[in-house]
């Protein structure tokens, strides 16, 4: 269904192509940089960071 939505937006002219270009470039750069940085950080630190972030977000959604 999302592919159909993309086609509808493109055909209807609702796509701001300069913004698409900026977002695509930023996504590629961010993905590349996060891999490089992720290799420098110990696996245990990343694991705990993901756990803490998940707990904080879950708590804020549930109680706040």
N, C-alpha and C. Protein backbone atom coordinates (compact mmCIF):
# COMPACT_ATOMS: atom_id res chain seq x y z
N UNK A 1 0.81 -1.19 0.00
CA UNK A 1 0.00 0.00 0.00
C UNK A 1 0.86 1.27 0.00
N UNK A 2 2.00 1.23 0.65
CA UNK A 2 2.82 2.44 0.70
C UNK A 2 3.37 2.78 -0.67
N UNK A 3 3.67 1.78 -1.47
CA UNK A 3 4.14 2.04 -2.82
C UNK A 3 3.09 2.77 -3.64
N UNK A 4 1.83 2.37 -3.47
CA UNK A 4 0.73 3.04 -4.16
C UNK A 4 0.61 4.48 -3.69
N UNK A 5 0.77 4.71 -2.40
CA UNK A 5 0.71 6.08 -1.87
C UNK A 5 1.82 6.93 -2.46
N UNK A 6 3.01 6.38 -2.59
CA UNK A 6 4.12 7.11 -3.19
C UNK A 6 3.77 7.51 -4.62
N UNK A 7 3.22 6.57 -5.36
CA UNK A 7 2.85 6.86 -6.75
C UNK A 7 1.79 7.96 -6.81
N UNK A 8 0.79 7.89 -5.92
CA UNK A 8 -0.26 8.90 -5.90
C UNK A 8 0.32 10.28 -5.59
N UNK A 9 1.20 10.37 -4.61
CA UNK A 9 1.81 11.65 -4.27
C UNK A 9 2.64 12.20 -5.42
N UNK A 10 3.41 11.35 -6.08
CA UNK A 10 4.24 11.80 -7.19
C UNK A 10 3.38 12.28 -8.34
N UNK A 11 2.37 11.50 -8.71
CA UNK A 11 1.51 11.86 -9.83
C UNK A 11 0.73 13.14 -9.55
N UNK A 12 0.30 13.32 -8.31
CA UNK A 12 -0.48 14.51 -7.97
C UNK A 12 0.38 15.76 -7.82
N UNK A 13 1.69 15.60 -7.85
CA UNK A 13 2.58 16.76 -7.73
C UNK A 13 2.78 17.23 -6.30
N UNK A 14 2.48 16.39 -5.34
CA UNK A 14 2.58 16.77 -3.93
C UNK A 14 3.97 16.54 -3.34
N UNK A 15 4.94 16.18 -4.17
CA UNK A 15 6.28 15.89 -3.67
C UNK A 15 7.17 17.11 -3.88
N UNK A 16 7.79 17.55 -2.82
CA UNK A 16 8.75 18.66 -2.89
C UNK A 16 10.14 18.05 -3.12
N UNK A 17 10.54 17.98 -4.39
CA UNK A 17 11.75 17.25 -4.77
C UNK A 17 13.02 17.79 -4.14
N UNK A 18 13.20 19.12 -3.99
CA UNK A 18 14.41 19.57 -3.28
C UNK A 18 14.48 19.05 -1.84
N UNK A 19 13.33 18.98 -1.17
CA UNK A 19 13.32 18.44 0.19
C UNK A 19 13.62 16.95 0.20
N UNK A 20 13.11 16.23 -0.80
CA UNK A 20 13.40 14.80 -0.92
C UNK A 20 14.90 14.59 -1.06
N UNK A 21 15.54 15.42 -1.87
CA UNK A 21 16.99 15.31 -2.07
C UNK A 21 17.75 15.54 -0.76
N UNK A 22 17.35 16.56 -0.01
CA UNK A 22 18.02 16.87 1.27
C UNK A 22 17.83 15.72 2.25
N UNK A 23 16.61 15.21 2.37
CA UNK A 23 16.33 14.12 3.31
C UNK A 23 17.08 12.86 2.91
N UNK A 24 17.12 12.56 1.61
CA UNK A 24 17.84 11.37 1.15
C UNK A 24 19.33 11.47 1.44
N UNK A 25 19.92 12.62 1.16
CA UNK A 25 21.35 12.81 1.44
C UNK A 25 21.65 12.71 2.93
N UNK A 26 20.79 13.33 3.75
CA UNK A 26 21.00 13.29 5.20
C UNK A 26 20.84 11.86 5.73
N UNK A 27 19.90 11.11 5.18
CA UNK A 27 19.70 9.73 5.62
C UNK A 27 20.90 8.86 5.28
N UNK A 28 21.43 9.03 4.09
CA UNK A 28 22.60 8.26 3.68
C UNK A 28 23.81 8.63 4.54
N UNK A 29 24.02 9.92 4.75
CA UNK A 29 25.15 10.37 5.57
C UNK A 29 25.01 9.90 7.02
N UNK A 30 23.79 9.99 7.55
CA UNK A 30 23.56 9.56 8.93
C UNK A 30 23.76 8.07 9.10
N UNK A 31 23.29 7.30 8.14
CA UNK A 31 23.49 5.84 8.21
C UNK A 31 24.95 5.47 8.13
N UNK A 32 25.67 6.13 7.24
CA UNK A 32 27.10 5.86 7.09
C UNK A 32 27.86 6.26 8.36
N UNK A 33 27.56 7.45 8.88
CA UNK A 33 28.26 7.94 10.07
C UNK A 33 27.95 7.08 11.29
N UNK A 34 26.70 6.66 11.42
CA UNK A 34 26.35 5.87 12.61
C UNK A 34 27.05 4.51 12.62
N UNK A 35 27.27 3.94 11.45
CA UNK A 35 28.02 2.69 11.39
C UNK A 35 29.46 2.92 11.82
N UNK A 36 30.05 3.97 11.31
CA UNK A 36 31.45 4.27 11.67
C UNK A 36 31.59 4.53 13.17
N UNK A 37 30.68 5.30 13.72
CA UNK A 37 30.73 5.62 15.15
C UNK A 37 30.38 4.38 15.97
N UNK A 38 29.39 3.61 15.50
CA UNK A 38 28.98 2.41 16.22
C UNK A 38 30.09 1.39 16.37
N UNK A 39 31.00 1.35 15.42
CA UNK A 39 32.13 0.42 15.52
C UNK A 39 33.14 0.86 16.57
N UNK A 40 33.14 2.13 16.93
CA UNK A 40 34.09 2.64 17.92
C UNK A 40 33.59 2.46 19.36
N UNK A 41 32.28 2.36 19.52
CA UNK A 41 31.68 2.25 20.85
C UNK A 41 31.55 0.78 21.22
N UNK A 42 31.89 0.42 22.45
CA UNK A 42 31.76 -0.99 22.87
C UNK A 42 30.31 -1.48 22.76
N UNK A 43 30.16 -2.74 22.38
CA UNK A 43 28.84 -3.32 22.17
C UNK A 43 27.97 -3.25 23.42
N UNK A 44 28.57 -3.45 24.57
CA UNK A 44 27.83 -3.41 25.83
C UNK A 44 27.25 -2.02 26.08
N UNK A 45 27.99 -0.98 25.74
CA UNK A 45 27.50 0.39 25.93
C UNK A 45 26.32 0.67 25.01
N UNK A 46 26.39 0.21 23.78
CA UNK A 46 25.28 0.40 22.84
C UNK A 46 24.06 -0.36 23.33
N UNK A 47 24.25 -1.58 23.78
CA UNK A 47 23.14 -2.39 24.28
C UNK A 47 22.45 -1.70 25.45
N UNK A 48 23.22 -1.20 26.41
CA UNK A 48 22.62 -0.51 27.56
C UNK A 48 21.96 0.80 27.14
N UNK A 49 22.54 1.48 26.18
CA UNK A 49 21.93 2.71 25.68
C UNK A 49 20.57 2.45 25.05
N UNK A 50 20.46 1.37 24.30
CA UNK A 50 19.18 1.01 23.68
C UNK A 50 18.17 0.62 24.76
N UNK A 51 18.60 -0.13 25.75
CA UNK A 51 17.69 -0.55 26.83
C UNK A 51 17.19 0.66 27.60
N UNK A 52 18.08 1.55 28.00
CA UNK A 52 17.69 2.73 28.77
C UNK A 52 16.77 3.63 27.95
N UNK A 53 17.10 3.84 26.69
CA UNK A 53 16.26 4.67 25.83
C UNK A 53 14.87 4.06 25.70
N UNK A 54 14.79 2.77 25.50
CA UNK A 54 13.49 2.10 25.40
C UNK A 54 12.68 2.22 26.68
N UNK A 55 13.32 2.04 27.82
CA UNK A 55 12.61 2.17 29.09
C UNK A 55 12.12 3.59 29.33
N UNK A 56 12.95 4.57 29.04
CA UNK A 56 12.56 5.97 29.23
C UNK A 56 11.39 6.33 28.31
N UNK A 57 11.48 5.96 27.05
CA UNK A 57 10.39 6.28 26.12
C UNK A 57 9.11 5.54 26.49
N UNK A 58 9.22 4.27 26.85
CA UNK A 58 8.04 3.51 27.25
C UNK A 58 7.38 4.11 28.48
N UNK A 59 8.19 4.50 29.44
CA UNK A 59 7.66 5.12 30.66
C UNK A 59 7.00 6.46 30.36
N UNK A 60 7.61 7.25 29.51
CA UNK A 60 7.04 8.56 29.19
C UNK A 60 5.74 8.42 28.42
N UNK A 61 5.62 7.42 27.57
CA UNK A 61 4.38 7.19 26.83
C UNK A 61 3.30 6.64 27.76
N UNK A 62 3.69 5.76 28.70
CA UNK A 62 2.71 5.12 29.57
C UNK A 62 2.21 6.06 30.67
N UNK A 63 3.12 6.88 31.21
CA UNK A 63 2.76 7.68 32.40
C UNK A 63 2.72 9.18 32.14
N UNK A 64 3.07 9.59 30.96
CA UNK A 64 3.19 11.03 30.80
C UNK A 64 2.47 11.66 29.73
